[in-house]
Amino acid sequence: MKTIQSLLLGSVPITARDKHVRLFQVKQVINQHRDLFINKFLKDIPYYLAFRYNAFATPDELEEIKAKLNTLQKKDIDLVDYASIFEQIKKRTTVKLNNAIFFQEIDDLLFAQQKS
């Protein structure tokens, strides 16, 4: 049995023995963690932009960012982006999710936002 520890979800057991079912369970946990992370992040966008980018967004820009984050939340995670977590699950019985990979996904979204 494998366990994923999340600050937002607690300890979540991955009980499947079949690798395809296990992959599905891991994806579910990561999606749930990301959804909760984004929900919390939505409340702090102006502070994050000020801290991370030393930038301030207009109300229209904030709404656009929120819309993109809501769209991201509805998508399934990209296995390539989260490959490091899947590799850890293969090698360890317990994996602790940190938020670095989720911040990176949001930063990528915001960077794409700035280009357009």
N, C-alpha and C. Protein backbone atom coordinates (compact mmCIF):
# COMPACT_ATOMS: atom_id res chain seq x y z
N MET A 1 0.84 -1.18 0.00
CA MET A 1 0.00 0.00 0.00
C MET A 1 0.88 1.24 0.00
N LYS A 2 0.45 2.25 -0.75
CA LYS A 2 1.15 3.53 -0.83
C LYS A 2 0.29 4.58 -0.13
N THR A 3 0.94 5.66 0.30
CA THR A 3 0.22 6.75 0.95
C THR A 3 0.72 8.08 0.39
N ILE A 4 -0.22 8.96 0.09
CA ILE A 4 0.12 10.32 -0.30
C ILE A 4 -0.30 11.22 0.85
N GLN A 5 0.67 12.00 1.34
CA GLN A 5 0.38 12.94 2.42
C GLN A 5 0.24 14.33 1.82
N SER A 6 -0.88 14.95 2.11
CA SER A 6 -1.19 16.28 1.60
C SER A 6 -1.59 17.16 2.77
N LEU A 7 -1.07 18.37 2.80
CA LEU A 7 -1.48 19.31 3.84
C LEU A 7 -2.95 19.68 3.70
N LEU A 8 -3.49 19.57 2.51
CA LEU A 8 -4.88 19.94 2.27
C LEU A 8 -5.85 18.78 2.41
N LEU A 9 -5.38 17.56 2.15
CA LEU A 9 -6.25 16.38 2.19
C LEU A 9 -5.96 15.44 3.34
N GLY A 10 -4.81 15.56 3.95
CA GLY A 10 -4.38 14.60 4.95
C GLY A 10 -3.68 13.42 4.29
N SER A 11 -3.63 12.30 4.97
CA SER A 11 -3.02 11.09 4.42
C SER A 11 -4.06 10.31 3.62
N VAL A 12 -3.71 10.05 2.37
CA VAL A 12 -4.64 9.35 1.48
C VAL A 12 -3.98 8.05 1.03
N PRO A 13 -4.59 6.91 1.37
CA PRO A 13 -4.01 5.63 0.95
C PRO A 13 -4.29 5.34 -0.52
N ILE A 14 -3.29 4.78 -1.17
CA ILE A 14 -3.43 4.28 -2.55
C ILE A 14 -3.38 2.77 -2.43
N THR A 15 -4.54 2.16 -2.57
CA THR A 15 -4.66 0.75 -2.22
C THR A 15 -4.63 -0.21 -3.41
N ALA A 16 -4.79 0.30 -4.60
CA ALA A 16 -4.89 -0.57 -5.78
C ALA A 16 -3.57 -1.28 -6.04
N ARG A 17 -3.68 -2.52 -6.46
CA ARG A 17 -2.49 -3.29 -6.83
C ARG A 17 -2.23 -3.18 -8.33
N ASP A 18 -3.28 -3.05 -9.10
CA ASP A 18 -3.14 -2.90 -10.54
C ASP A 18 -2.57 -1.51 -10.85
N LYS A 19 -1.55 -1.44 -11.69
CA LYS A 19 -0.87 -0.17 -11.92
C LYS A 19 -1.76 0.87 -12.59
N HIS A 20 -2.71 0.43 -13.41
CA HIS A 20 -3.61 1.37 -14.08
C HIS A 20 -4.61 1.97 -13.08
N VAL A 21 -5.10 1.16 -12.19
CA VAL A 21 -6.02 1.65 -11.17
C VAL A 21 -5.27 2.53 -10.18
N ARG A 22 -4.05 2.14 -9.85
CA ARG A 22 -3.21 2.95 -8.95
C ARG A 22 -2.94 4.33 -9.57
N LEU A 23 -2.65 4.35 -10.87
CA LEU A 23 -2.44 5.61 -11.57
C LEU A 23 -3.69 6.49 -11.47
N PHE A 24 -4.84 5.89 -11.66
CA PHE A 24 -6.11 6.62 -11.55
C PHE A 24 -6.29 7.19 -10.14
N GLN A 25 -5.99 6.38 -9.11
CA GLN A 25 -6.12 6.85 -7.73
C GLN A 25 -5.18 8.02 -7.44
N VAL A 26 -3.95 7.91 -7.91
CA VAL A 26 -2.97 8.98 -7.70
C VAL A 26 -3.43 10.25 -8.40
N LYS A 27 -3.91 10.12 -9.64
CA LYS A 27 -4.42 11.28 -10.37
C LYS A 27 -5.57 11.94 -9.62
N GLN A 28 -6.45 11.14 -9.06
CA GLN A 28 -7.58 11.68 -8.30
C GLN A 28 -7.09 12.51 -7.11
N VAL A 29 -6.13 11.97 -6.38
CA VAL A 29 -5.60 12.67 -5.21
C VAL A 29 -4.94 13.99 -5.62
N ILE A 30 -4.14 13.94 -6.68
CA ILE A 30 -3.47 15.16 -7.14
C ILE A 30 -4.49 16.18 -7.63
N ASN A 31 -5.50 15.72 -8.36
CA ASN A 31 -6.56 16.64 -8.80
C ASN A 31 -7.29 17.27 -7.61
N GLN A 32 -7.59 16.47 -6.61
CA GLN A 32 -8.28 17.00 -5.43
C GLN A 32 -7.41 18.02 -4.70
N HIS A 33 -6.13 17.70 -4.55
CA HIS A 33 -5.21 18.62 -3.88
C HIS A 33 -5.12 19.92 -4.69
N ARG A 34 -4.96 19.80 -6.00
CA ARG A 34 -4.86 21.00 -6.84
C ARG A 34 -6.13 21.84 -6.77
N ASP A 35 -7.29 21.19 -6.76
CA ASP A 35 -8.56 21.93 -6.66
C ASP A 35 -8.62 22.74 -5.37
N LEU A 36 -8.27 22.12 -4.26
CA LEU A 36 -8.27 22.83 -2.98
C LEU A 36 -7.22 23.93 -2.96
N PHE A 37 -6.06 23.65 -3.54
CA PHE A 37 -4.99 24.63 -3.62
C PHE A 37 -5.44 25.86 -4.41
N ILE A 38 -6.07 25.63 -5.55
CA ILE A 38 -6.54 26.74 -6.38
C ILE A 38 -7.64 27.52 -5.65
N ASN A 39 -8.53 26.82 -4.97
CA ASN A 39 -9.58 27.52 -4.21
C ASN A 39 -8.97 28.48 -3.19
N LYS A 40 -7.94 28.03 -2.49
CA LYS A 40 -7.26 28.90 -1.54
C LYS A 40 -6.50 30.01 -2.26
N PHE A 41 -5.88 29.68 -3.36
CA PHE A 41 -5.08 30.63 -4.13
C PHE A 41 -5.95 31.75 -4.70
N LEU A 42 -7.17 31.44 -5.11
CA LEU A 42 -8.07 32.43 -5.68
C LEU A 42 -8.29 33.62 -4.74
N LYS A 43 -8.23 33.37 -3.46
CA LYS A 43 -8.44 34.43 -2.47
C LYS A 43 -7.21 35.33 -2.32
N ASP A 44 -6.05 34.84 -2.74
CA ASP A 44 -4.80 35.55 -2.48
C ASP A 44 -4.07 36.01 -3.74
N ILE A 45 -4.75 36.05 -4.86
CA ILE A 45 -4.08 36.42 -6.11
C ILE A 45 -3.37 37.76 -6.02
N PRO A 46 -4.02 38.82 -5.54
CA PRO A 46 -3.31 40.12 -5.50
C PRO A 46 -2.04 40.07 -4.66
N TYR A 47 -2.08 39.37 -3.53
CA TYR A 47 -0.90 39.27 -2.67
C TYR A 47 0.20 38.48 -3.34
N TYR A 48 -0.18 37.40 -4.03
CA TYR A 48 0.80 36.58 -4.72
C TYR A 48 1.48 37.37 -5.84
N LEU A 49 0.69 38.09 -6.62
CA LEU A 49 1.26 38.89 -7.70
C LEU A 49 2.22 39.94 -7.16
N ALA A 50 1.84 40.57 -6.06
CA ALA A 50 2.71 41.58 -5.45
C ALA A 50 4.00 40.96 -4.93
N PHE A 51 3.88 39.81 -4.29
CA PHE A 51 5.05 39.15 -3.70
C PHE A 51 5.95 38.54 -4.78
N ARG A 52 5.36 37.78 -5.67
CA ARG A 52 6.13 37.01 -6.65
C ARG A 52 6.66 37.87 -7.81
N TYR A 53 5.80 38.76 -8.29
CA TYR A 53 6.14 39.52 -9.49
C TYR A 53 6.33 41.02 -9.23
N ASN A 54 6.10 41.44 -8.00
CA ASN A 54 6.13 42.86 -7.67
C ASN A 54 5.22 43.63 -8.64
N ALA A 55 4.04 43.07 -8.84
CA ALA A 55 3.09 43.62 -9.81
C ALA A 55 1.70 43.69 -9.18
N PHE A 56 0.90 44.54 -9.75
CA PHE A 56 -0.48 44.69 -9.30
C PHE A 56 -1.39 44.55 -10.51
N ALA A 57 -2.50 43.88 -10.30
CA ALA A 57 -3.42 43.64 -11.41
C ALA A 57 -4.65 44.54 -11.27
N THR A 58 -5.17 44.93 -12.40
CA THR A 58 -6.42 45.69 -12.42
C THR A 58 -7.56 44.71 -12.11
N PRO A 59 -8.72 45.23 -11.75
CA PRO A 59 -9.86 44.33 -11.53
C PRO A 59 -10.17 43.44 -12.73
N ASP A 60 -10.04 43.99 -13.94
CA ASP A 60 -10.28 43.18 -15.15
C ASP A 60 -9.24 42.07 -15.29
N GLU A 61 -7.99 42.39 -15.01
CA GLU A 61 -6.93 41.38 -15.08
C GLU A 61 -7.14 40.30 -14.03
N LEU A 62 -7.57 40.69 -12.83
CA LEU A 62 -7.84 39.71 -11.78
C LEU A 62 -8.96 38.77 -12.20
N GLU A 63 -10.00 39.30 -12.82
CA GLU A 63 -11.10 38.46 -13.28
C GLU A 63 -10.63 37.49 -14.36
N GLU A 64 -9.76 37.96 -15.24
CA GLU A 64 -9.23 37.09 -16.28
C GLU A 64 -8.37 35.97 -15.69
N ILE A 65 -7.56 36.32 -14.71
CA ILE A 65 -6.73 35.31 -14.03
C ILE A 65 -7.61 34.31 -13.32
N LYS A 66 -8.64 34.79 -12.63
CA LYS A 66 -9.57 33.88 -11.93
C LYS A 66 -10.25 32.93 -12.91
N ALA A 67 -10.65 33.45 -14.05
CA ALA A 67 -11.29 32.61 -15.07
C ALA A 67 -10.34 31.53 -15.56
N LYS A 68 -9.09 31.91 -15.79
CA LYS A 68 -8.10 30.91 -16.25
C LYS A 68 -7.84 29.86 -15.17
N LEU A 69 -7.79 30.29 -13.91
CA LEU A 69 -7.60 29.34 -12.82
C LEU A 69 -8.80 28.40 -12.68
N ASN A 70 -9.99 28.93 -12.85
CA ASN A 70 -11.18 28.08 -12.81
C ASN A 70 -11.18 27.07 -13.94
N THR A 71 -10.72 27.49 -15.12
CA THR A 71 -10.60 26.56 -16.25
C THR A 71 -9.56 25.49 -15.96
N LEU A 72 -8.43 25.90 -15.40
CA LEU A 72 -7.39 24.95 -15.02
C LEU A 72 -7.92 23.94 -14.02
N GLN A 73 -8.71 24.40 -13.09
CA GLN A 73 -9.27 23.54 -12.06
C GLN A 73 -10.18 22.47 -12.64
N LYS A 74 -10.83 22.77 -13.73
CA LYS A 74 -11.75 21.82 -14.36
C LYS A 74 -11.03 20.77 -15.19
N LYS A 75 -9.78 21.05 -15.56
CA LYS A 75 -9.00 20.10 -16.37
C LYS A 75 -8.38 19.03 -15.48
N ASP A 76 -8.19 17.88 -16.09
CA ASP A 76 -7.46 16.81 -15.43
C ASP A 76 -5.97 17.19 -15.42
N ILE A 77 -5.23 16.71 -14.45
CA ILE A 77 -3.81 17.04 -14.39
C ILE A 77 -3.09 16.46 -15.60
N ASP A 78 -2.02 17.11 -15.98
CA ASP A 78 -1.17 16.65 -17.07
C ASP A 78 -0.13 15.70 -16.49
N LEU A 79 -0.11 14.47 -16.96
CA LEU A 79 0.82 13.47 -16.42
C LEU A 79 2.28 13.89 -16.59
N VAL A 80 2.58 14.60 -17.65
CA VAL A 80 3.96 15.04 -17.88
C VAL A 80 4.37 16.05 -16.81
N ASP A 81 3.50 17.00 -16.52
CA ASP A 81 3.80 18.02 -15.52
C ASP A 81 3.99 17.43 -14.12
N TYR A 82 3.30 16.35 -13.85
CA TYR A 82 3.33 15.75 -12.51
C TYR A 82 4.11 14.43 -12.48
N ALA A 83 4.95 14.21 -13.47
CA ALA A 83 5.71 12.97 -13.57
C ALA A 83 6.57 12.71 -12.34
N SER A 84 7.12 13.75 -11.74
CA SER A 84 7.98 13.56 -10.57
C SER A 84 7.21 12.92 -9.41
N ILE A 85 5.96 13.28 -9.26
CA ILE A 85 5.15 12.68 -8.19
C ILE A 85 4.90 11.21 -8.49
N PHE A 86 4.60 10.90 -9.74
CA PHE A 86 4.35 9.50 -10.11
C PHE A 86 5.61 8.65 -9.93
N GLU A 87 6.76 9.23 -10.22
CA GLU A 87 8.02 8.51 -10.02
C GLU A 87 8.25 8.25 -8.53
N GLN A 88 7.95 9.22 -7.70
CA GLN A 88 8.11 9.04 -6.25
C GLN A 88 7.19 7.94 -5.75
N ILE A 89 5.96 7.90 -6.26
CA ILE A 89 5.00 6.87 -5.85
C ILE A 89 5.52 5.48 -6.21
N LYS A 90 6.19 5.36 -7.34
CA LYS A 90 6.73 4.07 -7.74
C LYS A 90 7.82 3.59 -6.77
N LYS A 91 8.60 4.53 -6.25
CA LYS A 91 9.78 4.18 -5.46
C LYS A 91 9.55 4.15 -3.95
N ARG A 92 8.57 4.88 -3.47
CA ARG A 92 8.38 5.02 -2.02
C ARG A 92 7.00 4.56 -1.60
N THR A 93 6.87 4.24 -0.33
CA THR A 93 5.56 3.88 0.19
C THR A 93 4.78 5.12 0.62
N THR A 94 5.49 6.19 0.98
CA THR A 94 4.83 7.44 1.39
C THR A 94 5.44 8.60 0.61
N VAL A 95 4.57 9.41 0.04
CA VAL A 95 5.00 10.59 -0.70
C VAL A 95 4.28 11.80 -0.11
N LYS A 96 5.06 12.85 0.18
CA LYS A 96 4.49 14.09 0.69
C LYS A 96 4.36 15.08 -0.46
N LEU A 97 3.14 15.55 -0.66
CA LEU A 97 2.93 16.56 -1.70
C LEU A 97 3.34 17.91 -1.14
N ASN A 98 4.21 18.59 -1.86
CA ASN A 98 4.44 19.99 -1.51
C ASN A 98 3.81 20.82 -2.62
N ASN A 99 3.68 22.08 -2.38
CA ASN A 99 2.94 22.92 -3.32
C ASN A 99 3.79 23.51 -4.43
N ALA A 100 5.07 23.21 -4.46
CA ALA A 100 5.96 23.80 -5.48
C ALA A 100 5.47 23.51 -6.89
N ILE A 101 5.08 22.28 -7.16
CA ILE A 101 4.65 21.91 -8.50
C ILE A 101 3.34 22.61 -8.88
N PHE A 102 2.49 22.88 -7.90
CA PHE A 102 1.23 23.56 -8.15
C PHE A 102 1.48 25.06 -8.40
N PHE A 103 2.41 25.64 -7.63
CA PHE A 103 2.79 27.02 -7.89
C PHE A 103 3.40 27.16 -9.28
N GLN A 104 4.20 26.18 -9.69
CA GLN A 104 4.82 26.22 -11.02
C GLN A 104 3.75 26.21 -12.11
N GLU A 105 2.75 25.38 -11.93
CA GLU A 105 1.67 25.31 -12.91
C GLU A 105 0.95 26.67 -13.00
N ILE A 106 0.72 27.29 -11.87
CA ILE A 106 0.07 28.61 -11.85
C ILE A 106 0.99 29.67 -12.45
N ASP A 107 2.28 29.62 -12.11
CA ASP A 107 3.22 30.57 -12.71
C ASP A 107 3.25 30.43 -14.23
N ASP A 108 3.22 29.20 -14.72
CA ASP A 108 3.18 28.98 -16.16
C ASP A 108 1.92 29.59 -16.76
N LEU A 109 0.80 29.44 -16.07
CA LEU A 109 -0.46 30.01 -16.51
C LEU A 109 -0.37 31.55 -16.52
N LEU A 110 0.21 32.12 -15.47
CA LEU A 110 0.32 33.58 -15.39
C LEU A 110 1.30 34.11 -16.42
N PHE A 111 2.36 33.37 -16.68
CA PHE A 111 3.33 33.80 -17.70
C PHE A 111 2.67 33.81 -19.06
N ALA A 112 1.89 32.78 -19.34
CA ALA A 112 1.15 32.73 -20.61
C ALA A 112 0.15 33.88 -20.65
N GLN A 113 -0.41 34.20 -19.49
CA GLN A 113 -1.36 35.31 -19.36
C GLN A 113 -0.70 36.63 -19.75
N GLN A 114 0.55 36.84 -19.32
CA GLN A 114 1.26 38.08 -19.59
C GLN A 114 1.59 38.23 -21.07
N LYS A 115 1.84 37.12 -21.75
CA LYS A 115 2.21 37.16 -23.16
C LYS A 115 1.03 37.54 -24.03
N SER A 116 -0.17 37.11 -23.63
CA SER A 116 -1.33 37.35 -24.49
C SER A 116 -1.94 38.71 -24.30
